[in-house]
Amino acid sequence: MLFDQYEQEWMADDVLAAQARNNDLANFRLVFNRRFMDTIVKRMDSNEAIFKTILDDSECRAVLFEHYLDRVFRSFGETQ
């Protein structure tokens, strides 16, 4: 699934892992926000419909962001 691929990419990012380990959730949110959107934009061409939904529907984007913010942050915390 597309979102699983996004999450795998985030989990393989050593810089993102270090940010999660060295910050609280509020500070990690700032770092993850940029990485979240960068990942979606990077895969825009192959996933145009979902990309359009994420960009155009702020409620959908917020739900996805919060879900993956929590999952990625907690997963990095478990790997310490």
N, C-alpha and C. Protein backbone atom coordinates (compact mmCIF):
# COMPACT_ATOMS: atom_id res chain seq x y z
N MET A 1 0.84 -1.18 0.00
CA MET A 1 0.00 0.00 0.00
C MET A 1 0.88 1.24 0.00
N LEU A 2 0.39 2.28 -0.59
CA LEU A 2 1.13 3.53 -0.74
C LEU A 2 1.61 4.08 0.60
N PHE A 3 0.72 4.11 1.58
CA PHE A 3 1.09 4.71 2.86
C PHE A 3 2.11 3.86 3.61
N ASP A 4 2.08 2.56 3.40
CA ASP A 4 3.11 1.70 3.98
C ASP A 4 4.47 2.04 3.39
N GLN A 5 4.50 2.35 2.10
CA GLN A 5 5.76 2.73 1.44
C GLN A 5 6.28 4.05 2.01
N TYR A 6 5.37 4.98 2.23
CA TYR A 6 5.78 6.25 2.85
C TYR A 6 6.41 5.97 4.23
N GLU A 7 5.70 5.19 5.02
CA GLU A 7 6.18 4.91 6.37
C GLU A 7 7.53 4.20 6.34
N GLN A 8 7.71 3.26 5.45
CA GLN A 8 8.99 2.56 5.32
C GLN A 8 10.11 3.54 4.99
N GLU A 9 9.81 4.49 4.13
CA GLU A 9 10.82 5.50 3.78
C GLU A 9 11.19 6.34 4.99
N TRP A 10 10.19 6.76 5.76
CA TRP A 10 10.46 7.55 6.96
C TRP A 10 11.25 6.74 7.98
N MET A 11 10.90 5.48 8.15
CA MET A 11 11.57 4.65 9.14
C MET A 11 13.02 4.33 8.74
N ALA A 12 13.34 4.41 7.47
CA ALA A 12 14.70 4.15 7.00
C ALA A 12 15.58 5.40 7.03
N ASP A 13 15.01 6.51 7.42
CA ASP A 13 15.71 7.80 7.41
C ASP A 13 16.44 8.00 8.74
N ASP A 14 17.77 7.88 8.71
CA ASP A 14 18.58 8.00 9.93
C ASP A 14 18.50 9.40 10.55
N VAL A 15 18.39 10.41 9.72
CA VAL A 15 18.29 11.79 10.22
C VAL A 15 16.96 11.97 10.96
N LEU A 16 15.90 11.45 10.38
CA LEU A 16 14.59 11.52 11.03
C LEU A 16 14.60 10.74 12.34
N ALA A 17 15.25 9.60 12.34
CA ALA A 17 15.35 8.79 13.56
C ALA A 17 16.07 9.57 14.67
N ALA A 18 17.15 10.22 14.31
CA ALA A 18 17.90 11.00 15.31
C ALA A 18 17.05 12.15 15.84
N GLN A 19 16.29 12.78 14.97
CA GLN A 19 15.43 13.87 15.41
C GLN A 19 14.36 13.37 16.38
N ALA A 20 13.81 12.20 16.11
CA ALA A 20 12.78 11.64 16.99
C ALA A 20 13.37 11.28 18.35
N ARG A 21 14.56 10.75 18.33
CA ARG A 21 15.19 10.32 19.59
C ARG A 21 15.64 11.50 20.45
N ASN A 22 15.94 12.61 19.82
CA ASN A 22 16.51 13.75 20.55
C ASN A 22 15.54 14.89 20.78
N ASN A 23 14.27 14.69 20.46
CA ASN A 23 13.28 15.74 20.63
C ASN A 23 12.00 15.17 21.22
N ASP A 24 11.20 16.04 21.80
CA ASP A 24 9.87 15.62 22.21
C ASP A 24 8.96 15.65 20.98
N LEU A 25 7.75 15.20 21.14
CA LEU A 25 6.82 15.12 20.02
C LEU A 25 6.56 16.50 19.41
N ALA A 26 6.45 17.51 20.21
CA ALA A 26 6.17 18.86 19.69
C ALA A 26 7.28 19.34 18.76
N ASN A 27 8.53 19.12 19.14
CA ASN A 27 9.64 19.53 18.29
C ASN A 27 9.79 18.60 17.08
N PHE A 28 9.55 17.31 17.28
CA PHE A 28 9.61 16.37 16.16
C PHE A 28 8.55 16.71 15.12
N ARG A 29 7.42 17.21 15.55
CA ARG A 29 6.33 17.59 14.64
C ARG A 29 6.85 18.55 13.57
N LEU A 30 7.69 19.51 13.96
CA LEU A 30 8.21 20.49 13.01
C LEU A 30 9.09 19.83 11.95
N VAL A 31 9.92 18.91 12.37
CA VAL A 31 10.81 18.19 11.45
C VAL A 31 9.99 17.26 10.56
N PHE A 32 9.07 16.53 11.17
CA PHE A 32 8.30 15.54 10.42
C PHE A 32 7.36 16.21 9.42
N ASN A 33 6.85 17.38 9.74
CA ASN A 33 5.95 18.07 8.82
C ASN A 33 6.61 18.26 7.46
N ARG A 34 7.82 18.72 7.46
CA ARG A 34 8.54 18.94 6.19
C ARG A 34 8.81 17.62 5.48
N ARG A 35 9.27 16.62 6.22
CA ARG A 35 9.59 15.31 5.63
C ARG A 35 8.32 14.64 5.09
N PHE A 36 7.21 14.78 5.80
CA PHE A 36 5.93 14.23 5.39
C PHE A 36 5.55 14.77 4.01
N MET A 37 5.58 16.08 3.86
CA MET A 37 5.20 16.68 2.59
C MET A 37 6.23 16.40 1.50
N ASP A 38 7.51 16.39 1.82
CA ASP A 38 8.55 16.08 0.83
C ASP A 38 8.33 14.68 0.23
N THR A 39 7.99 13.74 1.08
CA THR A 39 7.76 12.36 0.62
C THR A 39 6.56 12.31 -0.32
N ILE A 40 5.51 12.97 0.02
CA ILE A 40 4.30 12.96 -0.81
C ILE A 40 4.57 13.64 -2.15
N VAL A 41 5.23 14.77 -2.12
CA VAL A 41 5.53 15.50 -3.36
C VAL A 41 6.46 14.67 -4.25
N LYS A 42 7.45 14.04 -3.65
CA LYS A 42 8.41 13.24 -4.42
C LYS A 42 7.72 12.12 -5.20
N ARG A 43 6.66 11.58 -4.65
CA ARG A 43 5.96 10.47 -5.29
C ARG A 43 4.69 10.93 -6.02
N MET A 44 4.58 12.20 -6.27
CA MET A 44 3.38 12.78 -6.86
C MET A 44 3.03 12.16 -8.21
N ASP A 45 3.97 12.03 -9.09
CA ASP A 45 3.67 11.56 -10.44
C ASP A 45 3.05 10.18 -10.47
N SER A 46 3.53 9.29 -9.65
CA SER A 46 3.02 7.92 -9.68
C SER A 46 1.75 7.74 -8.86
N ASN A 47 1.37 8.74 -8.10
CA ASN A 47 0.19 8.64 -7.24
C ASN A 47 -0.63 9.92 -7.30
N GLU A 48 -0.91 10.37 -8.49
CA GLU A 48 -1.53 11.68 -8.69
C GLU A 48 -2.86 11.85 -7.95
N ALA A 49 -3.72 10.84 -7.97
CA ALA A 49 -5.04 10.98 -7.35
C ALA A 49 -4.93 11.17 -5.83
N ILE A 50 -4.13 10.34 -5.18
CA ILE A 50 -4.01 10.45 -3.72
C ILE A 50 -3.26 11.74 -3.37
N PHE A 51 -2.29 12.10 -4.18
CA PHE A 51 -1.56 13.34 -3.96
C PHE A 51 -2.52 14.53 -3.99
N LYS A 52 -3.38 14.58 -4.96
CA LYS A 52 -4.35 15.67 -5.10
C LYS A 52 -5.27 15.71 -3.88
N THR A 53 -5.71 14.56 -3.43
CA THR A 53 -6.58 14.51 -2.26
C THR A 53 -5.86 15.05 -1.03
N ILE A 54 -4.62 14.63 -0.83
CA ILE A 54 -3.86 15.06 0.34
C ILE A 54 -3.64 16.57 0.31
N LEU A 55 -3.30 17.10 -0.85
CA LEU A 55 -3.04 18.54 -0.94
C LEU A 55 -4.32 19.36 -0.85
N ASP A 56 -5.39 18.90 -1.47
CA ASP A 56 -6.62 19.68 -1.54
C ASP A 56 -7.52 19.54 -0.32
N ASP A 57 -7.43 18.43 0.38
CA ASP A 57 -8.32 18.16 1.51
C ASP A 57 -7.53 18.30 2.81
N SER A 58 -7.62 19.46 3.42
CA SER A 58 -6.82 19.72 4.62
C SER A 58 -7.19 18.79 5.77
N GLU A 59 -8.43 18.37 5.85
CA GLU A 59 -8.84 17.43 6.91
C GLU A 59 -8.19 16.07 6.68
N CYS A 60 -8.21 15.59 5.46
CA CYS A 60 -7.55 14.31 5.12
C CYS A 60 -6.06 14.40 5.43
N ARG A 61 -5.43 15.50 5.00
CA ARG A 61 -4.00 15.69 5.23
C ARG A 61 -3.69 15.70 6.72
N ALA A 62 -4.51 16.37 7.50
CA ALA A 62 -4.29 16.46 8.94
C ALA A 62 -4.42 15.09 9.60
N VAL A 63 -5.40 14.31 9.20
CA VAL A 63 -5.58 12.97 9.76
C VAL A 63 -4.38 12.09 9.44
N LEU A 64 -3.96 12.10 8.19
CA LEU A 64 -2.80 11.30 7.78
C LEU A 64 -1.54 11.76 8.51
N PHE A 65 -1.35 13.06 8.57
CA PHE A 65 -0.17 13.60 9.24
C PHE A 65 -0.11 13.17 10.70
N GLU A 66 -1.20 13.35 11.43
CA GLU A 66 -1.23 12.99 12.85
C GLU A 66 -1.00 11.49 13.05
N HIS A 67 -1.59 10.69 12.20
CA HIS A 67 -1.43 9.24 12.30
C HIS A 67 0.04 8.85 12.14
N TYR A 68 0.66 9.35 11.09
CA TYR A 68 2.05 8.96 10.83
C TYR A 68 3.04 9.69 11.72
N LEU A 69 2.73 10.87 12.15
CA LEU A 69 3.58 11.56 13.13
C LEU A 69 3.73 10.68 14.36
N ASP A 70 2.61 10.21 14.88
CA ASP A 70 2.62 9.38 16.08
C ASP A 70 3.33 8.05 15.84
N ARG A 71 3.01 7.38 14.74
CA ARG A 71 3.61 6.07 14.45
C ARG A 71 5.12 6.17 14.28
N VAL A 72 5.58 7.14 13.51
CA VAL A 72 7.01 7.27 13.24
C VAL A 72 7.74 7.66 14.52
N PHE A 73 7.22 8.63 15.25
CA PHE A 73 7.85 9.06 16.49
C PHE A 73 7.97 7.91 17.48
N ARG A 74 6.88 7.17 17.68
CA ARG A 74 6.89 6.05 18.64
C ARG A 74 7.81 4.92 18.17
N SER A 75 7.81 4.64 16.88
CA SER A 75 8.66 3.57 16.36
C SER A 75 10.13 3.89 16.57
N PHE A 76 10.51 5.12 16.34
CA PHE A 76 11.91 5.50 16.57
C PHE A 76 12.24 5.42 18.06
N GLY A 77 11.30 5.75 18.91
CA GLY A 77 11.53 5.66 20.33
C GLY A 77 11.72 4.23 20.81
N GLU A 78 11.07 3.28 20.15
CA GLU A 78 11.20 1.87 20.51
C GLU A 78 12.52 1.26 20.06
N THR A 79 13.21 1.91 19.12
CA THR A 79 14.46 1.35 18.59
C THR A 79 15.69 1.86 19.30
N GLN A 80 15.50 2.60 20.38
CA GLN A 80 16.65 3.12 21.12
C GLN A 80 17.36 2.03 21.86
